[in-house]
């Protein structure tokens, strides 16, 4: 496995990076391995094996197939590449043979926005015991400059958290559910940071 080469997390660099800007003074309460994942001006590569589960209903499993969500697995080989730029972060997640690309950026209200195709989710970031908690606050469809908010009764909900699990490890948990359908996708486990460099 490649040796992780970590960039130094300098508090003076924090205002230039997405997550430090969103968290403000709380950024320094985040555990070091989690800070490395979101370090200023860096490219981060990580890998691990995650447990992936779909909802129990037939409709949830059918939807997972139609949307080409990651396949259910007790230990799916997972790779993560996060690339930071002036506007935010690009996340490329690969679960076995399935890929999920998203874009994260600062929303006008100071929340974290994540865009997946035409769907935008907005989260309030909170620090809990050194980990990052993603509290979903809104969802919308985007078509160019047009943003159509989704009522809570129709919107998908995401529950997510990142925690330190060792000097180079981050434990992640992500759950996605739909109204009236319940859980559609859950993945969790530990990834190891292979590289974090400017």
Foldseek 3Di string as FASTA:
>chain_A
DAAADFDDADPVLQCQWAVSVLCPPCLVLADPLVCLVGGHQKKWKKKWWKAKDFDDDPVLQVVCVVVVPADGDHTWIKMWIWGADRFHIWIWIDTHPDIFIWTWGADPVSWIWIDGPQKIWTFRWDADNNKIWTHTDWMWGDDPPDTGTDPPQFDKDKTKMWHDDDPFKIWIWIWIAGHPRGTNMIMIDMMGINYIDD
